[in-house]
Amino acid sequence: MLTLFTAMFDGPLNESILKRAQAAGRLDAHIHDIRTYASDKHHTCDDAPFGGGAGMLMKIAPLAAAIEDISSADAAPAHVVFLTPDGTTLTQAIAQELSTKPRLILICGHYEGIDERIRQHYVHQELSIGDYVLTGGELAAMVVIDAVTRLLDGVISADSLAEESHSDSLLEYPHYTRPAVWNDAAVPDVLRSGNHAAIALWRRQQRLTRTYERRPDMLATAQLDKHDRAFLRGLGWHDPLWCEQPPRRSKPVRTPDA
């Protein structure tokens, strides 16, 4: 990560799954201070933008020097990602793609952004984590790190990833644990039945229901079989691959002429 505020990463990288992933050698994370690449005695990394306007802009020279230095420090090619509000919105599919890259360099912008020439000459991909603006790219970078790391081999079991929200364009089913009854709210009977086929069906239908109710747009890319489609139509979903056919009219029976 390239940032002006290295301390912001201390907490996320030293807790929970990210900490365990580093200890297991699955994640090798390095935080680089862009200021150390500034050539003046004050380590200045911002300047006024040409043409005027509010705010300051990150200078090109320190950031370019940081990218070039880190890119050349390893034989594996580096995929450079800039976190910016006008980037492509991060999705599970993009996180999966990034998890296959041997090295990532995440640029955390600040102030009014970075010099456009950095984007033109160094950046391979621009990502946003939503339609809102943060004070800098550090929080967005943390989201990318977390989303990508948990998809690396050996970080989380494959079974845990298989039916997560967005893994296959469906949201996850609801979960319950003990006690079976809490404040008169009971766990669904099917989950205590021991009938694994019934539990699997219930969970599938819960995923379909939640997706239809909360994110119906995702159903356009979900892998649905005929049973899924029939269940969703029962909820009121308009199935683009199905339309009700009018009943066929029986042909009149012709009788021989008398």
C-alpha atoms as a PDB file:
ATOM      1  CA  MET A   1       0.000   0.000   0.000  1.00  0.00           C
ATOM      2  CA  LEU A   2       1.176   3.507  -0.820  1.00  0.00           C
ATOM      3  CA  THR A   3      -0.144   6.031   1.661  1.00  0.00           C
ATOM      4  CA  LEU A   4       0.575   9.268   3.488  1.00  0.00           C
ATOM      5  CA  PHE A   5      -0.908   7.825   6.705  1.00  0.00           C
ATOM      6  CA  THR A   6       0.744   4.501   7.441  1.00  0.00           C
ATOM      7  CA  ALA A   7      -0.570   4.189  11.012  1.00  0.00           C
ATOM      8  CA  MET A   8      -4.126   3.776   9.746  1.00  0.00           C
ATOM      9  CA  PHE A   9      -3.289   0.216   8.677  1.00  0.00           C
ATOM     10  CA  ASP A  10      -1.913  -0.932  12.032  1.00  0.00           C
ATOM     11  CA  GLY A  11      -5.241  -2.119  13.411  1.00  0.00           C
ATOM     12  CA  PRO A  12      -6.746  -3.967  10.409  1.00  0.00           C
ATOM     13  CA  LEU A  13      -3.533  -5.776   9.499  1.00  0.00           C
ATOM     14  CA  ASN A  14      -2.908  -6.946  13.058  1.00  0.00           C
ATOM     15  CA  GLU A  15      -6.281  -8.444  13.863  1.00  0.00           C
ATOM     16  CA  SER A  16      -8.418 -11.428  12.916  1.00  0.00           C
ATOM     17  CA  ILE A  17      -8.123 -13.116   9.522  1.00  0.00           C
ATOM     18  CA  LEU A  18      -5.604 -10.658   8.075  1.00  0.00           C
ATOM     19  CA  LYS A  19      -3.243 -11.276  10.977  1.00  0.00           C
ATOM     20  CA  ARG A  20      -3.616 -15.060  10.663  1.00  0.00           C
ATOM     21  CA  ALA A  21      -3.138 -14.908   6.889  1.00  0.00           C
ATOM     22  CA  GLN A  22       0.175 -13.100   7.342  1.00  0.00           C
ATOM     23  CA  ALA A  23       1.317 -15.498  10.060  1.00  0.00           C
ATOM     24  CA  ALA A  24       0.550 -18.433   7.757  1.00  0.00           C
ATOM     25  CA  GLY A  25       2.458 -16.869   4.866  1.00  0.00           C
ATOM     26  CA  ARG A  26      -0.662 -16.454   2.734  1.00  0.00           C
ATOM     27  CA  LEU A  27      -0.516 -12.646   2.775  1.00  0.00           C
ATOM     28  CA  ASP A  28       2.602 -10.503   2.558  1.00  0.00           C
ATOM     29  CA  ALA A  29       1.515  -6.928   3.248  1.00  0.00           C
ATOM     30  CA  HIS A  30       3.807  -3.892   3.227  1.00  0.00           C
ATOM     31  CA  ILE A  31       2.869  -0.292   4.003  1.00  0.00           C
ATOM     32  CA  HIS A  32       4.978   2.341   2.217  1.00  0.00           C
ATOM     33  CA  ASP A  33       5.038   5.997   3.249  1.00  0.00           C
ATOM     34  CA  ILE A  34       4.904   8.183   0.136  1.00  0.00           C
ATOM     35  CA  ARG A  35       6.569  11.016   2.060  1.00  0.00           C
ATOM     36  CA  THR A  36       9.868   9.132   2.166  1.00  0.00           C
ATOM     37  CA  TYR A  37      10.078   9.548  -1.622  1.00  0.00           C
ATOM     38  CA  ALA A  38       9.774  13.355  -1.524  1.00  0.00           C
ATOM     39  CA  SER A  39      13.059  15.107  -2.331  1.00  0.00           C
ATOM     40  CA  ASP A  40      12.698  18.325  -0.293  1.00  0.00           C
ATOM     41  CA  LYS A  41      13.611  18.620   3.367  1.00  0.00           C
ATOM     42  CA  HIS A  42       9.975  18.989   4.429  1.00  0.00           C
ATOM     43  CA  HIS A  43       8.894  15.854   2.487  1.00  0.00           C
ATOM     44  CA  THR A  44       6.171  17.821   0.716  1.00  0.00           C
ATOM     45  CA  CYS A  45       3.666  15.642  -1.115  1.00  0.00           C
ATOM     46  CA  ASP A  46       0.940  18.125  -2.064  1.00  0.00           C
ATOM     47  CA  ASP A  47       0.693  21.255  -4.188  1.00  0.00           C
ATOM     48  CA  ALA A  48      -1.921  23.604  -5.637  1.00  0.00           C
ATOM     49  CA  PRO A  49      -3.591  22.374  -8.840  1.00  0.00           C
ATOM     50  CA  PHE A  50      -2.988  24.108 -12.160  1.00  0.00           C
ATOM     51  CA  GLY A  51      -6.017  26.171 -13.159  1.00  0.00           C
ATOM     52  CA  GLY A  52      -6.920  26.921  -9.561  1.00  0.00           C
ATOM     53  CA  GLY A  53      -9.681  25.383  -7.501  1.00  0.00           C
ATOM     54  CA  ALA A  54     -10.289  24.290  -3.955  1.00  0.00           C
ATOM     55  CA  GLY A  55      -7.916  22.004  -2.110  1.00  0.00           C
ATOM     56  CA  MET A  56      -4.498  20.557  -2.848  1.00  0.00           C
ATOM     57  CA  LEU A  57      -3.328  17.749  -5.082  1.00  0.00           C
ATOM     58  CA  MET A  58      -0.836  14.976  -4.443  1.00  0.00           C
ATOM     59  CA  LYS A  59       2.407  15.706  -6.297  1.00  0.00           C
ATOM     60  CA  ILE A  60       3.476  13.467  -9.131  1.00  0.00           C
ATOM     61  CA  ALA A  61       7.198  13.063  -8.347  1.00  0.00           C
ATOM     62  CA  PRO A  62       7.038  11.347  -4.908  1.00  0.00           C
ATOM     63  CA  LEU A  63       4.202   9.041  -5.948  1.00  0.00           C
ATOM     64  CA  ALA A  64       5.852   8.100  -9.251  1.00  0.00           C
ATOM     65  CA  ALA A  65       9.131   7.383  -7.467  1.00  0.00           C
ATOM     66  CA  ALA A  66       7.349   5.177  -4.936  1.00  0.00           C
ATOM     67  CA  ILE A  67       5.551   3.175  -7.626  1.00  0.00           C
ATOM     68  CA  GLU A  68       8.712   2.658  -9.665  1.00  0.00           C
ATOM     69  CA  ASP A  69      10.780   1.652  -6.648  1.00  0.00           C
ATOM     70  CA  ILE A  70       8.265  -0.864  -5.315  1.00  0.00           C
ATOM     71  CA  SER A  71       7.445  -2.243  -8.768  1.00  0.00           C
ATOM     72  CA  SER A  72      11.117  -3.034  -9.385  1.00  0.00           C
ATOM     73  CA  ALA A  73      11.706  -4.591  -5.965  1.00  0.00           C
ATOM     74  CA  ASP A  74      10.333  -8.014  -6.924  1.00  0.00           C
ATOM     75  CA  ALA A  75      10.474 -10.245  -9.983  1.00  0.00           C
ATOM     76  CA  ALA A  76       6.689 -10.761  -9.979  1.00  0.00           C
ATOM     77  CA  PRO A  77       4.779  -8.124 -11.960  1.00  0.00           C
ATOM     78  CA  ALA A  78       2.807  -5.633  -9.890  1.00  0.00           C
ATOM     79  CA  HIS A  79      -0.821  -4.803 -10.657  1.00  0.00           C
ATOM     80  CA  VAL A  80      -1.332  -1.153  -9.698  1.00  0.00           C
ATOM     81  CA  VAL A  81      -4.748  -0.201  -8.307  1.00  0.00           C
ATOM     82  CA  PHE A  82      -5.853   3.347  -7.502  1.00  0.00           C
ATOM     83  CA  LEU A  83      -8.684   3.765  -4.994  1.00  0.00           C
ATOM     84  CA  THR A  84     -10.917   6.582  -6.219  1.00  0.00           C
ATOM     85  CA  PRO A  85     -14.628   7.523  -6.075  1.00  0.00           C
ATOM     86  CA  ASP A  86     -14.819   7.527  -9.886  1.00  0.00           C
ATOM     87  CA  GLY A  87     -13.414   4.013 -10.259  1.00  0.00           C
ATOM     88  CA  THR A  88     -15.277   0.813 -11.057  1.00  0.00           C
ATOM     89  CA  THR A  89     -17.329  -0.367  -8.097  1.00  0.00           C
ATOM     90  CA  LEU A  90     -15.679  -3.268  -6.279  1.00  0.00           C
ATOM     91  CA  THR A  91     -17.580  -6.545  -6.621  1.00  0.00           C
ATOM     92  CA  GLN A  92     -16.984 -10.103  -5.475  1.00  0.00           C
ATOM     93  CA  ALA A  93     -15.988 -11.008  -9.034  1.00  0.00           C
ATOM     94  CA  ILE A  94     -13.355  -8.255  -9.085  1.00  0.00           C
ATOM     95  CA  ALA A  95     -12.057  -9.367  -5.681  1.00  0.00           C
ATOM     96  CA  GLN A  96     -11.765 -12.904  -7.043  1.00  0.00           C
ATOM     97  CA  GLU A  97      -9.824 -11.633 -10.055  1.00  0.00           C
ATOM     98  CA  LEU A  98      -7.475  -9.584  -7.870  1.00  0.00           C
ATOM     99  CA  SER A  99      -6.811 -12.627  -5.673  1.00  0.00           C
ATOM    100  CA  THR A 100      -5.101 -14.273  -8.669  1.00  0.00           C
ATOM    101  CA  LYS A 101      -2.586 -11.431  -9.106  1.00  0.00           C
ATOM    102  CA  PRO A 102       0.916 -12.211  -7.771  1.00  0.00           C
ATOM    103  CA  ARG A 103       1.391  -8.653  -6.464  1.00  0.00           C
ATOM    104  CA  LEU A 104      -0.880  -5.671  -5.875  1.00  0.00           C
ATOM    105  CA  ILE A 105       0.122  -2.060  -5.332  1.00  0.00           C
ATOM    106  CA  LEU A 106      -2.755  -0.077  -3.828  1.00  0.00           C
ATOM    107  CA  ILE A 107      -2.501   3.704  -4.152  1.00  0.00           C
ATOM    108  CA  CYS A 108      -4.332   5.632  -1.452  1.00  0.00           C
ATOM    109  CA  GLY A 109      -5.167   9.083  -2.729  1.00  0.00           C
ATOM    110  CA  HIS A 110      -5.688  12.076  -0.466  1.00  0.00           C
ATOM    111  CA  TYR A 111      -6.581  15.779  -0.626  1.00  0.00           C
ATOM    112  CA  GLU A 112      -8.291  16.419  -3.982  1.00  0.00           C
ATOM    113  CA  GLY A 113      -6.710  13.338  -5.548  1.00  0.00           C
ATOM    114  CA  ILE A 114      -3.563  12.565  -7.538  1.00  0.00           C
ATOM    115  CA  ASP A 115      -1.966  14.031 -10.633  1.00  0.00           C
ATOM    116  CA  GLU A 116      -3.743  12.649 -13.707  1.00  0.00           C
ATOM    117  CA  ARG A 117      -0.430  11.582 -15.250  1.00  0.00           C
ATOM    118  CA  ILE A 118      -0.029   8.935 -12.555  1.00  0.00           C
ATOM    119  CA  ARG A 119      -3.346   7.454 -13.632  1.00  0.00           C
ATOM    120  CA  GLN A 120      -2.339   7.563 -17.269  1.00  0.00           C
ATOM    121  CA  HIS A 121       1.150   6.041 -16.969  1.00  0.00           C
ATOM    122  CA  TYR A 122       1.137   3.752 -13.926  1.00  0.00           C
ATOM    123  CA  VAL A 123      -2.355   2.668 -12.911  1.00  0.00           C
ATOM    124  CA  HIS A 124      -3.792  -0.567 -14.281  1.00  0.00           C
ATOM    125  CA  GLN A 125      -7.154  -0.488 -12.514  1.00  0.00           C
ATOM    126  CA  GLU A 126      -9.247   2.084 -10.651  1.00  0.00           C
ATOM    127  CA  LEU A 127     -11.661   0.944  -7.955  1.00  0.00           C
ATOM    128  CA  SER A 128     -14.345   2.501  -5.784  1.00  0.00           C
ATOM    129  CA  ILE A 129     -16.078   0.863  -2.814  1.00  0.00           C
ATOM    130  CA  GLY A 130     -19.302   2.838  -3.255  1.00  0.00           C
ATOM    131  CA  ASP A 131     -20.964   5.996  -4.431  1.00  0.00           C
ATOM    132  CA  TYR A 132     -19.670   8.266  -1.700  1.00  0.00           C
ATOM    133  CA  VAL A 133     -16.478  10.197  -0.943  1.00  0.00           C
ATOM    134  CA  LEU A 134     -13.975   9.448   1.826  1.00  0.00           C
ATOM    135  CA  THR A 135     -11.208  11.674   3.172  1.00  0.00           C
ATOM    136  CA  GLY A 136      -8.648   9.361   1.588  1.00  0.00           C
ATOM    137  CA  GLY A 137      -8.137   6.003  -0.048  1.00  0.00           C
ATOM    138  CA  GLU A 138      -6.892   4.217   3.082  1.00  0.00           C
ATOM    139  CA  LEU A 139     -10.261   2.895   4.232  1.00  0.00           C
ATOM    140  CA  ALA A 140     -11.088   1.764   0.700  1.00  0.00           C
ATOM    141  CA  ALA A 141      -7.719   0.003   0.482  1.00  0.00           C
ATOM    142  CA  MET A 142      -8.480  -1.839   3.723  1.00  0.00           C
ATOM    143  CA  VAL A 143     -11.745  -3.083   2.227  1.00  0.00           C
ATOM    144  CA  VAL A 144      -9.938  -4.338  -0.874  1.00  0.00           C
ATOM    145  CA  ILE A 145      -7.258  -6.061   1.218  1.00  0.00           C
ATOM    146  CA  ASP A 146      -9.853  -7.835   3.332  1.00  0.00           C
ATOM    147  CA  ALA A 147     -12.064  -8.850   0.398  1.00  0.00           C
ATOM    148  CA  VAL A 148      -9.105 -10.220  -1.568  1.00  0.00           C
ATOM    149  CA  THR A 149      -7.209 -11.898   1.287  1.00  0.00           C
ATOM    150  CA  ARG A 150     -10.112 -14.075   2.386  1.00  0.00           C
ATOM    151  CA  LEU A 151     -10.245 -15.531  -1.152  1.00  0.00           C
ATOM    152  CA  LEU A 152      -6.602 -16.646  -1.122  1.00  0.00           C
ATOM    153  CA  ASP A 153      -6.004 -20.387  -0.901  1.00  0.00           C
ATOM    154  CA  GLY A 154      -5.826 -21.607   2.669  1.00  0.00           C
ATOM    155  CA  VAL A 155      -7.101 -18.440   4.349  1.00  0.00           C
ATOM    156  CA  ILE A 156     -10.741 -19.532   4.720  1.00  0.00           C
ATOM    157  CA  SER A 157     -12.140 -23.005   4.080  1.00  0.00           C
ATOM    158  CA  ALA A 158     -13.726 -23.510   0.678  1.00  0.00           C
ATOM    159  CA  ASP A 159     -16.975 -24.665   2.314  1.00  0.00           C
ATOM    160  CA  SER A 160     -17.346 -21.315   4.070  1.00  0.00           C
ATOM    161  CA  LEU A 161     -16.915 -19.414   0.803  1.00  0.00           C
ATOM    162  CA  ALA A 162     -19.228 -21.576  -1.304  1.00  0.00           C
ATOM    163  CA  GLU A 163     -22.597 -20.081  -0.295  1.00  0.00           C
ATOM    164  CA  GLU A 164     -21.632 -16.598   0.824  1.00  0.00           C
ATOM    165  CA  SER A 165     -23.513 -13.551  -0.353  1.00  0.00           C
ATOM    166  CA  HIS A 166     -22.446 -12.560  -3.871  1.00  0.00           C
ATOM    167  CA  SER A 167     -20.415 -15.747  -4.407  1.00  0.00           C
ATOM    168  CA  ASP A 168     -22.924 -16.929  -7.018  1.00  0.00           C
ATOM    169  CA  SER A 169     -25.170 -13.872  -7.427  1.00  0.00           C
ATOM    170  CA  LEU A 170     -27.371 -14.920  -4.504  1.00  0.00           C
ATOM    171  CA  LEU A 171     -27.457 -13.557  -0.962  1.00  0.00           C
ATOM    172  CA  GLU A 172     -26.675 -15.827   1.967  1.00  0.00           C
ATOM    173  CA  TYR A 173     -29.348 -17.689   3.937  1.00  0.00           C
ATOM    174  CA  PRO A 174     -30.072 -16.762   7.616  1.00  0.00           C
ATOM    175  CA  HIS A 175     -28.070 -18.466  10.381  1.00  0.00           C
ATOM    176  CA  TYR A 176     -29.058 -19.558  13.881  1.00  0.00           C
ATOM    177  CA  THR A 177     -27.253 -20.979  16.911  1.00  0.00           C
ATOM    178  CA  ARG A 178     -28.151 -21.926  20.493  1.00  0.00           C
ATOM    179  CA  PRO A 179     -30.384 -21.419  22.346  1.00  0.00           C
ATOM    180  CA  ALA A 180     -33.138 -22.875  20.192  1.00  0.00           C
ATOM    181  CA  VAL A 181     -35.669 -20.480  21.757  1.00  0.00           C
ATOM    182  CA  TRP A 182     -34.747 -16.957  22.837  1.00  0.00           C
ATOM    183  CA  ASN A 183     -37.341 -14.428  24.049  1.00  0.00           C
ATOM    184  CA  ASP A 184     -40.072 -16.550  22.428  1.00  0.00           C
ATOM    185  CA  ALA A 185     -38.247 -16.453  19.073  1.00  0.00           C
ATOM    186  CA  ALA A 186     -37.541 -20.012  17.945  1.00  0.00           C
ATOM    187  CA  VAL A 187     -35.099 -21.441  15.430  1.00  0.00           C
ATOM    188  CA  PRO A 188     -36.968 -22.840  12.387  1.00  0.00           C
ATOM    189  CA  ASP A 189     -37.946 -26.446  12.995  1.00  0.00           C
ATOM    190  CA  VAL A 190     -36.331 -27.663   9.792  1.00  0.00           C
ATOM    191  CA  LEU A 191     -32.862 -26.732  11.071  1.00  0.00           C
ATOM    192  CA  ARG A 192     -33.365 -29.013  14.089  1.00  0.00           C
ATOM    193  CA  SER A 193     -34.937 -31.843  12.136  1.00  0.00           C
ATOM    194  CA  GLY A 194     -31.734 -33.663  11.174  1.00  0.00           C
ATOM    195  CA  ASN A 195     -33.125 -33.987   7.651  1.00  0.00           C
ATOM    196  CA  HIS A 196     -30.168 -32.780   5.587  1.00  0.00           C
ATOM    197  CA  ALA A 197     -32.085 -32.738   2.302  1.00  0.00           C
ATOM    198  CA  ALA A 198     -34.840 -30.605   3.833  1.00  0.00           C
ATOM    199  CA  ILE A 199     -32.265 -28.273   5.377  1.00  0.00           C
ATOM    200  CA  ALA A 200     -30.466 -27.855   2.041  1.00  0.00           C
ATOM    201  CA  LEU A 201     -33.771 -27.055   0.305  1.00  0.00           C
ATOM    202  CA  TRP A 202     -34.767 -24.570   3.031  1.00  0.00           C
ATOM    203  CA  ARG A 203     -31.423 -22.794   2.785  1.00  0.00           C
ATOM    204  CA  ARG A 204     -31.618 -22.613  -0.999  1.00  0.00           C
ATOM    205  CA  GLN A 205     -35.113 -21.168  -0.860  1.00  0.00           C
ATOM    206  CA  GLN A 206     -34.068 -18.685   1.804  1.00  0.00           C
ATOM    207  CA  ARG A 207     -31.233 -17.505  -0.452  1.00  0.00           C
ATOM    208  CA  LEU A 208     -33.648 -17.091  -3.337  1.00  0.00           C
ATOM    209  CA  THR A 209     -36.175 -15.257  -1.158  1.00  0.00           C
ATOM    210  CA  ARG A 210     -33.633 -12.834   0.291  1.00  0.00           C
ATOM    211  CA  THR A 211     -32.153 -12.068  -3.085  1.00  0.00           C
ATOM    212  CA  TYR A 212     -35.589 -11.486  -4.615  1.00  0.00           C
ATOM    213  CA  GLU A 213     -36.661  -9.216  -1.754  1.00  0.00           C
ATOM    214  CA  ARG A 214     -33.411  -7.270  -1.273  1.00  0.00           C
ATOM    215  CA  ARG A 215     -31.396  -7.458  -4.501  1.00  0.00           C
ATOM    216  CA  PRO A 216     -33.642  -8.663  -7.346  1.00  0.00           C
ATOM    217  CA  ASP A 217     -31.147  -7.249  -9.850  1.00  0.00           C
ATOM    218  CA  MET A 218     -28.734 -10.051  -8.935  1.00  0.00           C
ATOM    219  CA  LEU A 219     -31.107 -12.746 -10.193  1.00  0.00           C
ATOM    220  CA  ALA A 220     -30.252 -11.772 -13.767  1.00  0.00           C
ATOM    221  CA  THR A 221     -26.809 -13.386 -13.382  1.00  0.00           C
ATOM    222  CA  ALA A 222     -27.617 -16.157 -10.888  1.00  0.00           C
ATOM    223  CA  GLN A 223     -27.420 -19.804 -11.921  1.00  0.00           C
ATOM    224  CA  LEU A 224     -31.025 -20.919 -11.507  1.00  0.00           C
ATOM    225  CA  ASP A 225     -32.506 -24.321 -12.286  1.00  0.00           C
ATOM    226  CA  LYS A 226     -36.148 -24.983 -13.100  1.00  0.00           C
ATOM    227  CA  HIS A 227     -37.017 -25.564  -9.433  1.00  0.00           C
ATOM    228  CA  ASP A 228     -35.438 -22.237  -8.435  1.00  0.00           C
ATOM    229  CA  ARG A 229     -37.351 -20.449 -11.147  1.00  0.00           C
ATOM    230  CA  ALA A 230     -40.650 -22.037 -10.170  1.00  0.00           C
ATOM    231  CA  PHE A 231     -40.083 -21.061  -6.522  1.00  0.00           C
ATOM    232  CA  LEU A 232     -39.236 -17.471  -7.457  1.00  0.00           C
ATOM    233  CA  ARG A 233     -42.289 -17.178  -9.702  1.00  0.00           C
ATOM    234  CA  GLY A 234     -44.346 -18.192  -6.679  1.00  0.00           C
ATOM    235  CA  LEU A 235     -42.912 -15.154  -4.889  1.00  0.00           C
ATOM    236  CA  GLY A 236     -43.984 -12.883  -7.741  1.00  0.00           C
ATOM    237  CA  TRP A 237     -40.747 -12.796  -9.727  1.00  0.00           C
ATOM    238  CA  HIS A 238     -41.087 -12.121 -13.434  1.00  0.00           C
ATOM    239  CA  ASP A 239     -39.070 -14.890 -15.047  1.00  0.00           C
ATOM    240  CA  PRO A 240     -37.631 -13.593 -18.345  1.00  0.00           C
ATOM    241  CA  LEU A 241     -37.325 -17.173 -19.639  1.00  0.00           C
ATOM    242  CA  TRP A 242     -40.896 -18.140 -18.897  1.00  0.00           C
ATOM    243  CA  CYS A 243     -44.264 -16.874 -20.003  1.00  0.00           C
ATOM    244  CA  GLU A 244     -47.610 -18.438 -19.431  1.00  0.00           C
ATOM    245  CA  GLN A 245     -48.981 -20.001 -22.572  1.00  0.00           C
ATOM    246  CA  PRO A 246     -52.719 -19.794 -23.259  1.00  0.00           C
ATOM    247  CA  PRO A 247     -54.480 -23.170 -23.230  1.00  0.00           C
ATOM    248  CA  ARG A 248     -54.479 -24.911 -26.552  1.00  0.00           C
ATOM    249  CA  ARG A 249     -57.773 -25.112 -28.359  1.00  0.00           C
ATOM    250  CA  SER A 250     -58.742 -28.590 -29.352  1.00  0.00           C
ATOM    251  CA  LYS A 251     -59.242 -29.061 -33.045  1.00  0.00           C
ATOM    252  CA  PRO A 252     -62.851 -29.702 -34.116  1.00  0.00           C
ATOM    253  CA  VAL A 253     -63.546 -33.333 -34.901  1.00  0.00           C
ATOM    254  CA  ARG A 254     -64.425 -33.806 -38.515  1.00  0.00           C
ATOM    255  CA  THR A 255     -67.094 -36.358 -39.304  1.00  0.00           C
ATOM    256  CA  PRO A 256     -67.477 -38.063 -42.680  1.00  0.00           C
ATOM    257  CA  ASP A 257     -70.002 -36.533 -44.935  1.00  0.00           C
ATOM    258  CA  ALA A 258     -73.355 -38.300 -44.743  1.00  0.00           C
END
